[in-house]
Amino acid sequence: MLVGFDPITSKEPYVLILGSMPSITSLEKQEYYGFAHNRFWKFMANIFAMPTDTYEQKKAIIRKRHLALWDVIHSCEREGSLDSAIRKERVNDIAGFIQKHTTIRLVICNGKKSYELYQKHFQNLGVSCVYLGSTSNANRSIKENILYEQWKQTLWEALGYGNKTM
């Protein structure tokens, strides 16, 4: 049985970003999005103009930009790292997390699996939820520059940045 991570959160998160379950590499490194080819941290670095050389710097983006980062799945069985291989999943207490962090106004699901599970278990929480294409390198259904712009626009709108520069 694989077990995911605790959430990383700012004191007053406005946006909760939900993945499905950490990859094998991420679990080994004990880091969210630890696989070098996942584009999540690259996107965050560019969107917020902050460094991501160390995991501490990566976590600082989440904490300083009113974000929270977690996974829908608490534990599961899975061979390899693909979401399609997930079995016997147990979900995290997303409802409790949102009740505790009343400043959250948007949930972003990073990929199809997290969105499907969120809709199945948590769709009636009264917080807007959007699906964005996965930052995983396995997602080649959309060009990286288009995916990046979708992430940037969604985050900036949710955080009230509009078209301002950082």
Protein backbone atom coordinates (compact mmCIF):
# COMPACT_ATOMS: atom_id res chain seq x y z
CA MET A 1 0.00 0.00 0.00
CA LEU A 2 1.38 3.38 -1.04
CA VAL A 3 0.71 6.39 1.17
CA GLY A 4 0.82 9.99 -0.06
CA PHE A 5 2.00 13.18 1.62
CA ASP A 6 0.58 15.72 4.01
CA PRO A 7 -0.58 18.93 2.36
CA ILE A 8 1.65 21.95 1.87
CA THR A 9 -0.33 25.10 2.57
CA SER A 10 -0.09 28.80 3.15
CA LYS A 11 -1.79 30.25 6.20
CA GLU A 12 -4.62 31.61 4.06
CA PRO A 13 -4.85 29.53 0.89
CA TYR A 14 -7.12 30.82 -1.87
CA VAL A 15 -6.46 27.94 -4.26
CA LEU A 16 -6.17 24.23 -3.49
CA ILE A 17 -4.27 22.32 -6.17
CA LEU A 18 -5.03 18.60 -6.11
CA GLY A 19 -3.04 15.88 -7.81
CA SER A 20 -4.01 12.23 -7.80
CA MET A 21 -1.18 10.36 -6.03
CA PRO A 22 2.59 10.96 -5.97
CA SER A 23 4.67 9.05 -8.51
CA ILE A 24 7.12 6.38 -7.40
CA THR A 25 9.98 8.88 -7.87
CA SER A 26 8.13 11.49 -5.82
CA LEU A 27 7.53 8.98 -3.02
CA GLU A 28 11.20 7.98 -3.04
CA LYS A 29 12.32 11.63 -2.93
CA GLN A 30 9.53 12.57 -0.50
CA GLU A 31 8.66 15.55 -2.72
CA TYR A 32 5.52 16.58 -4.53
CA TYR A 33 6.12 16.37 -8.28
CA GLY A 34 9.60 14.95 -7.74
CA PHE A 35 9.91 13.39 -11.18
CA ALA A 36 12.24 15.70 -13.11
CA HIS A 37 10.13 15.71 -16.27
CA ASN A 38 6.87 16.69 -14.57
CA ARG A 39 6.17 20.29 -15.53
CA PHE A 40 4.41 21.38 -12.33
CA TRP A 41 7.34 23.18 -10.67
CA LYS A 42 8.54 24.61 -13.98
CA PHE A 43 5.10 26.14 -14.46
CA MET A 44 4.98 27.48 -10.88
CA ALA A 45 8.46 29.02 -11.22
CA ASN A 46 7.47 30.82 -14.41
CA ILE A 47 3.98 31.85 -13.32
CA PHE A 48 5.18 33.33 -10.03
CA ALA A 49 8.74 34.36 -11.03
CA MET A 50 10.27 32.46 -8.12
CA PRO A 51 13.17 29.99 -8.03
CA THR A 52 12.66 26.23 -7.75
CA ASP A 53 16.24 25.00 -7.36
CA THR A 54 15.51 23.32 -4.03
CA TYR A 55 12.43 21.67 -2.57
CA GLU A 56 12.32 24.38 0.10
CA GLN A 57 12.08 27.01 -2.65
CA LYS A 58 9.32 25.02 -4.30
CA LYS A 59 7.34 24.83 -1.06
CA ALA A 60 7.90 28.58 -0.57
CA ILE A 61 5.95 29.27 -3.77
CA ILE A 62 2.96 27.43 -2.33
CA ARG A 63 3.20 29.21 1.01
CA LYS A 64 3.89 32.72 -0.31
CA ARG A 65 1.30 32.73 -3.11
CA HIS A 66 -1.78 31.72 -1.07
CA LEU A 67 -1.86 28.17 -2.40
CA ALA A 68 -2.32 24.72 -0.94
CA LEU A 69 -1.03 21.53 -2.56
CA TRP A 70 -2.32 18.04 -1.83
CA ASP A 71 -3.53 14.87 -3.51
CA VAL A 72 -7.03 13.46 -3.64
CA ILE A 73 -5.72 9.99 -2.80
CA HIS A 74 -4.38 9.25 0.66
CA SER A 75 -3.34 5.68 -0.10
CA CYS A 76 -3.67 3.11 -2.84
CA GLU A 77 -2.19 0.11 -4.56
CA ARG A 78 -0.41 0.85 -7.82
CA GLU A 79 2.19 -0.79 -10.04
CA GLY A 80 4.40 1.94 -11.46
CA SER A 81 3.34 5.58 -11.54
CA LEU A 82 0.46 5.77 -14.00
CA ASP A 83 -2.92 6.89 -12.69
CA SER A 84 -4.56 4.16 -14.76
CA ALA A 85 -2.85 1.58 -12.51
CA ILE A 86 -4.33 2.95 -9.27
CA ARG A 87 -6.37 0.40 -7.31
CA LYS A 88 -8.06 0.31 -3.90
CA GLU A 89 -7.68 4.04 -3.34
CA ARG A 90 -8.60 5.74 -0.10
CA VAL A 91 -9.18 9.48 -0.37
CA ASN A 92 -7.87 12.29 1.81
CA ASP A 93 -10.22 14.38 3.94
CA ILE A 94 -10.56 17.16 1.38
CA ALA A 95 -13.88 18.24 2.91
CA GLY A 96 -12.27 18.70 6.32
CA PHE A 97 -9.34 20.57 4.79
CA ILE A 98 -11.66 23.01 2.99
CA GLN A 99 -13.78 23.48 6.13
CA LYS A 100 -10.61 24.31 8.08
CA HIS A 101 -9.30 26.66 5.36
CA THR A 102 -12.34 28.82 4.67
CA THR A 103 -10.32 31.17 2.44
CA ILE A 104 -10.19 28.55 -0.35
CA ARG A 105 -12.23 29.80 -3.30
CA LEU A 106 -11.03 27.46 -6.04
CA VAL A 107 -9.93 23.85 -6.35
CA ILE A 108 -7.72 23.02 -9.33
CA CYS A 109 -7.50 19.36 -10.24
CA ASN A 110 -4.18 18.57 -11.91
CA GLY A 111 -5.29 15.94 -14.39
CA LYS A 112 -8.23 13.69 -15.13
CA LYS A 113 -7.87 11.17 -12.29
CA SER A 114 -7.84 13.80 -9.55
CA TYR A 115 -10.84 15.53 -11.16
CA GLU A 116 -12.83 12.30 -11.46
CA LEU A 117 -12.16 11.38 -7.83
CA TYR A 118 -12.91 14.90 -6.61
CA GLN A 119 -16.23 14.89 -8.47
CA LYS A 120 -17.07 11.44 -7.10
CA HIS A 121 -16.32 12.24 -3.45
CA PHE A 122 -16.38 16.02 -2.96
CA GLN A 123 -18.43 17.78 -5.63
CA ASN A 124 -20.91 19.28 -3.14
CA LEU A 125 -18.48 21.28 -1.01
CA GLY A 126 -19.60 24.67 -2.30
CA VAL A 127 -16.19 25.58 -3.74
CA SER A 128 -15.61 26.02 -7.46
CA CYS A 129 -13.54 23.26 -9.04
CA VAL A 130 -11.76 23.30 -12.39
CA TYR A 131 -10.00 20.59 -14.31
CA LEU A 132 -6.66 21.48 -15.87
CA GLY A 133 -4.61 19.20 -18.06
CA SER A 134 -2.04 17.20 -16.15
CA THR A 135 1.46 18.61 -15.79
CA SER A 136 2.76 15.04 -16.06
CA ASN A 137 5.17 14.36 -18.91
CA ALA A 138 2.84 11.48 -19.83
CA ASN A 139 0.26 14.08 -20.91
CA ARG A 140 1.05 14.83 -24.53
CA SER A 141 -2.52 15.60 -25.59
CA ILE A 142 -1.90 19.35 -25.35
CA LYS A 143 1.11 21.45 -26.29
CA GLU A 144 3.18 22.58 -23.32
CA ASN A 145 2.86 26.31 -24.08
CA ILE A 146 -0.94 26.04 -24.26
CA LEU A 147 -1.07 24.00 -21.04
CA TYR A 148 1.16 26.57 -19.32
CA GLU A 149 -1.09 29.44 -20.40
CA GLN A 150 -4.15 27.60 -19.06
CA TRP A 151 -2.46 27.10 -15.69
CA LYS A 152 -1.23 30.70 -15.59
CA GLN A 153 -4.58 32.23 -16.50
CA THR A 154 -6.50 30.07 -14.03
CA LEU A 155 -4.13 30.81 -11.15
CA TRP A 156 -3.85 34.52 -11.87
CA GLU A 157 -7.63 34.93 -12.10
CA ALA A 158 -8.22 32.96 -8.90
CA LEU A 159 -5.57 34.95 -7.04
CA GLY A 160 -6.79 38.29 -8.37
CA TYR A 161 -3.70 39.14 -10.42
CA GLY A 162 -5.57 39.70 -13.68
CA ASN A 163 -3.06 40.64 -16.37
CA LYS A 164 -0.61 42.30 -13.98
CA THR A 165 2.97 41.14 -13.92
CA MET A 166 4.36 39.61 -10.77
